[in-house]
């Protein structure tokens, strides 16, 4: 994927948990300023890591079930899933270079 994909409560298992590649899920909301600041950074990372990672966006207001399941209390909240399990979590807005360092650690 060269752009972030939208995920919902209904397709989270299929698109994230059953994915063959790692998925970084951005738990966000339209009213969240830091979430809006993170969006263009995630767009860039989606292009840069297209062959290694899928970036997905889940609107917490419209998909409260999945957000609650993963204990999302603050947004933006990025969780990296690999083989159906959360392996890393980044809470709050982070600059692109910091996100890249986190991704490199996880992706190897």
N, C-alpha and C. Protein backbone atom coordinates (compact mmCIF):
# COMPACT_ATOMS: atom_id res chain seq x y z
N UNK A 1 0.84 -1.19 0.00
CA UNK A 1 0.00 0.00 0.00
C UNK A 1 0.88 1.24 0.00
N UNK A 2 0.50 2.20 -0.81
CA UNK A 2 1.28 3.43 -0.81
C UNK A 2 0.56 4.56 -0.08
N UNK A 3 -0.63 4.25 0.45
CA UNK A 3 -1.38 5.23 1.25
C UNK A 3 -1.96 4.49 2.44
N UNK A 4 -2.22 5.22 3.52
CA UNK A 4 -2.90 4.57 4.65
C UNK A 4 -4.29 4.07 4.22
N UNK A 5 -4.68 2.94 4.79
CA UNK A 5 -6.00 2.39 4.51
C UNK A 5 -6.91 2.66 5.71
N UNK A 6 -8.19 2.77 5.47
CA UNK A 6 -9.16 2.94 6.56
C UNK A 6 -9.56 1.56 7.07
N UNK A 7 -9.64 1.43 8.40
CA UNK A 7 -10.14 0.20 8.99
C UNK A 7 -11.26 0.55 9.97
N UNK A 8 -12.15 -0.41 10.18
CA UNK A 8 -13.30 -0.23 11.05
C UNK A 8 -13.40 -1.41 12.02
N UNK A 9 -14.32 -1.30 12.97
CA UNK A 9 -14.58 -2.44 13.86
C UNK A 9 -14.88 -3.69 13.03
N UNK A 10 -15.64 -3.52 11.95
CA UNK A 10 -16.09 -4.65 11.15
C UNK A 10 -14.97 -5.37 10.40
N UNK A 11 -13.96 -4.62 9.93
CA UNK A 11 -12.92 -5.27 9.12
C UNK A 11 -11.53 -5.27 9.77
N UNK A 12 -11.46 -4.89 11.05
CA UNK A 12 -10.17 -4.82 11.74
C UNK A 12 -9.46 -6.17 11.75
N UNK A 13 -10.20 -7.22 12.07
CA UNK A 13 -9.57 -8.55 12.12
C UNK A 13 -9.00 -8.93 10.76
N UNK A 14 -9.78 -8.73 9.72
CA UNK A 14 -9.35 -9.11 8.36
C UNK A 14 -8.16 -8.28 7.88
N UNK A 15 -8.24 -6.95 8.02
CA UNK A 15 -7.22 -6.06 7.47
C UNK A 15 -5.97 -5.93 8.34
N UNK A 16 -6.12 -6.11 9.65
CA UNK A 16 -4.99 -5.90 10.56
C UNK A 16 -4.48 -7.22 11.14
N UNK A 17 -5.35 -7.91 11.86
CA UNK A 17 -4.91 -9.10 12.58
C UNK A 17 -4.51 -10.25 11.66
N UNK A 18 -5.12 -10.35 10.50
CA UNK A 18 -4.80 -11.44 9.56
C UNK A 18 -3.81 -11.02 8.47
N UNK A 19 -3.30 -9.80 8.55
CA UNK A 19 -2.37 -9.30 7.54
C UNK A 19 -1.07 -10.11 7.55
N UNK A 20 -0.55 -10.38 6.37
CA UNK A 20 0.73 -11.11 6.23
C UNK A 20 1.91 -10.19 6.55
N UNK A 21 1.70 -8.87 6.42
CA UNK A 21 2.77 -7.91 6.71
C UNK A 21 2.41 -7.15 7.99
N UNK A 22 3.39 -6.58 8.67
CA UNK A 22 3.08 -5.76 9.84
C UNK A 22 2.17 -4.59 9.47
N UNK A 23 1.33 -4.21 10.42
CA UNK A 23 0.40 -3.10 10.21
C UNK A 23 0.55 -2.11 11.37
N UNK A 24 0.74 -0.83 11.03
CA UNK A 24 0.74 0.21 12.05
C UNK A 24 -0.63 0.89 11.99
N UNK A 25 -1.39 0.76 13.08
CA UNK A 25 -2.74 1.33 13.14
C UNK A 25 -2.68 2.67 13.86
N UNK A 26 -3.18 3.69 13.20
CA UNK A 26 -3.29 5.03 13.77
C UNK A 26 -4.71 5.17 14.33
N UNK A 27 -4.81 5.13 15.66
CA UNK A 27 -6.10 5.39 16.32
C UNK A 27 -6.21 6.90 16.43
N UNK A 28 -7.21 7.49 15.77
CA UNK A 28 -7.29 8.94 15.64
C UNK A 28 -8.75 9.41 15.67
N UNK A 29 -8.94 10.73 15.65
CA UNK A 29 -10.27 11.33 15.54
C UNK A 29 -10.14 12.65 14.78
N UNK A 30 -11.20 13.02 14.09
CA UNK A 30 -11.19 14.24 13.26
C UNK A 30 -11.00 15.51 14.08
N UNK A 31 -11.40 15.52 15.35
CA UNK A 31 -11.30 16.71 16.19
C UNK A 31 -9.93 16.85 16.87
N UNK A 32 -9.07 15.86 16.71
CA UNK A 32 -7.78 15.81 17.40
C UNK A 32 -6.69 16.50 16.58
N UNK A 33 -6.24 17.66 17.06
CA UNK A 33 -5.22 18.43 16.33
C UNK A 33 -3.92 17.65 16.12
N UNK A 34 -3.37 17.01 17.17
CA UNK A 34 -2.14 16.23 16.94
C UNK A 34 -2.35 15.10 15.93
N UNK A 35 -3.57 14.54 15.89
CA UNK A 35 -3.87 13.49 14.91
C UNK A 35 -3.77 14.06 13.49
N UNK A 36 -4.32 15.27 13.32
CA UNK A 36 -4.29 15.92 12.01
C UNK A 36 -2.85 16.28 11.62
N UNK A 37 -2.02 16.64 12.60
CA UNK A 37 -0.61 16.93 12.32
C UNK A 37 0.13 15.65 11.91
N UNK A 38 -0.26 14.53 12.48
CA UNK A 38 0.40 13.25 12.19
C UNK A 38 0.03 12.70 10.81
N UNK A 39 -1.14 13.06 10.30
CA UNK A 39 -1.64 12.48 9.06
C UNK A 39 -0.67 12.59 7.88
N UNK A 40 -0.11 13.79 7.58
CA UNK A 40 0.81 13.85 6.44
C UNK A 40 2.09 13.05 6.67
N UNK A 41 2.52 12.95 7.92
CA UNK A 41 3.71 12.15 8.23
C UNK A 41 3.42 10.67 7.93
N UNK A 42 2.25 10.22 8.32
CA UNK A 42 1.87 8.83 8.07
C UNK A 42 1.71 8.55 6.59
N UNK A 43 1.23 9.55 5.83
CA UNK A 43 1.13 9.41 4.37
C UNK A 43 2.53 9.17 3.77
N UNK A 44 3.51 9.95 4.23
CA UNK A 44 4.89 9.80 3.75
C UNK A 44 5.46 8.44 4.13
N UNK A 45 5.24 8.03 5.37
CA UNK A 45 5.75 6.73 5.81
C UNK A 45 5.08 5.59 5.05
N UNK A 46 3.81 5.73 4.71
CA UNK A 46 3.12 4.69 3.94
C UNK A 46 3.80 4.48 2.59
N UNK A 47 4.25 5.58 1.97
CA UNK A 47 4.97 5.46 0.69
C UNK A 47 6.35 4.85 0.90
N UNK A 48 7.08 5.34 1.91
CA UNK A 48 8.45 4.89 2.15
C UNK A 48 8.53 3.42 2.56
N UNK A 49 7.55 2.94 3.28
CA UNK A 49 7.58 1.57 3.80
C UNK A 49 6.57 0.66 3.09
N UNK A 50 6.16 1.04 1.91
CA UNK A 50 5.10 0.32 1.19
C UNK A 50 5.38 -1.19 1.05
N UNK A 51 6.65 -1.55 0.89
CA UNK A 51 6.97 -2.97 0.70
C UNK A 51 7.11 -3.74 2.01
N UNK A 52 7.13 -3.05 3.16
CA UNK A 52 7.36 -3.72 4.44
C UNK A 52 6.23 -3.59 5.44
N UNK A 53 5.34 -2.62 5.22
CA UNK A 53 4.38 -2.26 6.27
C UNK A 53 3.12 -1.67 5.65
N UNK A 54 1.98 -1.96 6.28
CA UNK A 54 0.73 -1.30 5.92
C UNK A 54 0.41 -0.31 7.04
N UNK A 55 -0.01 0.87 6.67
CA UNK A 55 -0.46 1.85 7.66
C UNK A 55 -1.98 1.95 7.54
N UNK A 56 -2.64 1.78 8.67
CA UNK A 56 -4.10 1.81 8.71
C UNK A 56 -4.55 2.90 9.68
N UNK A 57 -5.73 3.47 9.40
CA UNK A 57 -6.29 4.53 10.25
C UNK A 57 -7.65 4.07 10.76
N UNK A 58 -7.83 4.17 12.08
CA UNK A 58 -9.09 3.79 12.69
C UNK A 58 -9.63 4.98 13.47
N UNK A 59 -10.77 5.48 13.04
CA UNK A 59 -11.43 6.62 13.70
C UNK A 59 -12.06 6.11 15.00
N UNK A 60 -11.54 6.58 16.14
CA UNK A 60 -12.00 6.07 17.43
C UNK A 60 -13.45 6.45 17.74
N UNK A 61 -13.93 7.55 17.19
CA UNK A 61 -15.32 7.96 17.43
C UNK A 61 -16.30 7.03 16.74
N UNK A 62 -15.93 6.54 15.57
CA UNK A 62 -16.83 5.68 14.79
C UNK A 62 -16.59 4.20 15.05
N UNK A 63 -15.49 3.88 15.74
CA UNK A 63 -15.11 2.48 15.96
C UNK A 63 -14.67 2.27 17.41
N UNK A 64 -15.57 2.60 18.31
CA UNK A 64 -15.25 2.58 19.74
C UNK A 64 -14.93 1.18 20.27
N UNK A 65 -15.51 0.17 19.65
CA UNK A 65 -15.31 -1.21 20.13
C UNK A 65 -13.83 -1.59 20.04
N UNK A 66 -13.22 -1.37 18.88
CA UNK A 66 -11.81 -1.74 18.70
C UNK A 66 -10.92 -0.85 19.55
N UNK A 67 -11.22 0.44 19.61
CA UNK A 67 -10.43 1.36 20.44
C UNK A 67 -10.46 0.91 21.90
N UNK A 68 -11.63 0.52 22.39
CA UNK A 68 -11.74 0.05 23.77
C UNK A 68 -11.00 -1.26 23.98
N UNK A 69 -11.06 -2.13 22.99
CA UNK A 69 -10.41 -3.43 23.09
C UNK A 69 -8.90 -3.29 23.31
N UNK A 70 -8.31 -2.23 22.73
CA UNK A 70 -6.87 -2.01 22.86
C UNK A 70 -6.54 -0.92 23.88
N UNK A 71 -7.53 -0.55 24.69
CA UNK A 71 -7.29 0.37 25.79
C UNK A 71 -6.86 1.76 25.37
N UNK A 72 -7.37 2.23 24.24
CA UNK A 72 -6.98 3.55 23.74
C UNK A 72 -7.62 4.63 24.61
N UNK A 73 -6.78 5.37 25.33
CA UNK A 73 -7.25 6.43 26.21
C UNK A 73 -6.78 7.80 25.73
N UNK A 74 -5.75 7.83 24.88
CA UNK A 74 -5.20 9.08 24.37
C UNK A 74 -4.89 8.88 22.88
N UNK A 75 -5.10 9.93 22.11
CA UNK A 75 -4.81 9.86 20.68
C UNK A 75 -3.97 11.07 20.29
N UNK A 76 -3.21 11.02 19.20
CA UNK A 76 -3.00 9.84 18.37
C UNK A 76 -2.30 8.73 19.14
N UNK A 77 -2.62 7.51 18.75
CA UNK A 77 -2.07 6.34 19.38
C UNK A 77 -1.76 5.36 18.25
N UNK A 78 -0.50 5.05 18.08
CA UNK A 78 -0.08 4.15 17.01
C UNK A 78 0.30 2.81 17.60
N UNK A 79 -0.31 1.76 17.12
CA UNK A 79 0.04 0.41 17.57
C UNK A 79 0.50 -0.37 16.34
N UNK A 80 1.66 -1.00 16.47
CA UNK A 80 2.18 -1.83 15.38
C UNK A 80 1.82 -3.28 15.70
N UNK A 81 1.13 -3.91 14.75
CA UNK A 81 0.72 -5.30 14.87
C UNK A 81 1.56 -6.15 13.94
N UNK A 82 2.00 -7.29 14.46
CA UNK A 82 2.74 -8.26 13.63
C UNK A 82 2.20 -9.63 14.00
N UNK A 83 1.85 -10.41 12.99
CA UNK A 83 1.28 -11.75 13.21
C UNK A 83 0.06 -11.69 14.13
N UNK A 84 -0.74 -10.63 13.97
CA UNK A 84 -1.99 -10.52 14.72
C UNK A 84 -1.88 -10.03 16.15
N UNK A 85 -0.65 -9.67 16.56
CA UNK A 85 -0.46 -9.22 17.94
C UNK A 85 0.17 -7.84 17.99
N UNK A 86 -0.24 -7.01 18.97
CA UNK A 86 0.40 -5.69 19.12
C UNK A 86 1.82 -5.89 19.65
N UNK A 87 2.81 -5.30 18.97
CA UNK A 87 4.20 -5.48 19.39
C UNK A 87 4.87 -4.17 19.79
N UNK A 88 4.25 -3.05 19.45
CA UNK A 88 4.83 -1.75 19.80
C UNK A 88 3.73 -0.71 19.82
N UNK A 89 3.88 0.28 20.70
CA UNK A 89 2.86 1.33 20.81
C UNK A 89 3.55 2.68 20.97
N UNK A 90 3.04 3.67 20.25
CA UNK A 90 3.56 5.04 20.31
C UNK A 90 2.37 5.95 20.58
N UNK A 91 2.41 6.66 21.71
CA UNK A 91 1.29 7.52 22.10
C UNK A 91 1.70 8.98 21.92
N UNK A 92 0.81 9.75 21.29
CA UNK A 92 1.06 11.17 21.08
C UNK A 92 1.73 11.44 19.75
N UNK A 93 1.74 12.71 19.37
CA UNK A 93 2.38 13.11 18.11
C UNK A 93 3.89 12.94 18.23
N UNK A 94 4.49 12.33 17.21
CA UNK A 94 5.94 12.18 17.16
C UNK A 94 6.42 12.64 15.79
N UNK A 95 7.60 13.28 15.71
CA UNK A 95 8.14 13.68 14.42
C UNK A 95 8.48 12.45 13.57
N UNK A 96 8.54 12.66 12.28
CA UNK A 96 8.78 11.57 11.33
C UNK A 96 10.03 10.75 11.67
N UNK A 97 11.13 11.42 11.99
CA UNK A 97 12.38 10.70 12.26
C UNK A 97 12.23 9.77 13.46
N UNK A 98 11.50 10.21 14.47
CA UNK A 98 11.28 9.36 15.65
C UNK A 98 10.42 8.15 15.30
N UNK A 99 9.41 8.36 14.47
CA UNK A 99 8.58 7.24 14.03
C UNK A 99 9.39 6.26 13.20
N UNK A 100 10.26 6.78 12.35
CA UNK A 100 11.11 5.91 11.52
C UNK A 100 12.03 5.06 12.39
N UNK A 101 12.59 5.66 13.43
CA UNK A 101 13.45 4.88 14.34
C UNK A 101 12.65 3.74 14.98
N UNK A 102 11.44 4.04 15.41
CA UNK A 102 10.59 3.01 16.01
C UNK A 102 10.28 1.91 15.00
N UNK A 103 9.97 2.30 13.77
CA UNK A 103 9.67 1.31 12.74
C UNK A 103 10.88 0.44 12.42
N UNK A 104 12.04 1.05 12.33
CA UNK A 104 13.26 0.28 12.03
C UNK A 104 13.53 -0.74 13.12
N UNK A 105 13.30 -0.35 14.37
CA UNK A 105 13.51 -1.28 15.49
C UNK A 105 12.59 -2.49 15.36
N UNK A 106 11.35 -2.22 15.01
CA UNK A 106 10.35 -3.28 14.91
C UNK A 106 10.53 -4.12 13.64
N UNK A 107 10.81 -3.45 12.52
CA UNK A 107 10.87 -4.15 11.24
C UNK A 107 12.24 -4.78 10.97
N UNK A 108 13.26 -4.31 11.69
CA UNK A 108 14.61 -4.88 11.55
C UNK A 108 15.37 -4.39 10.36
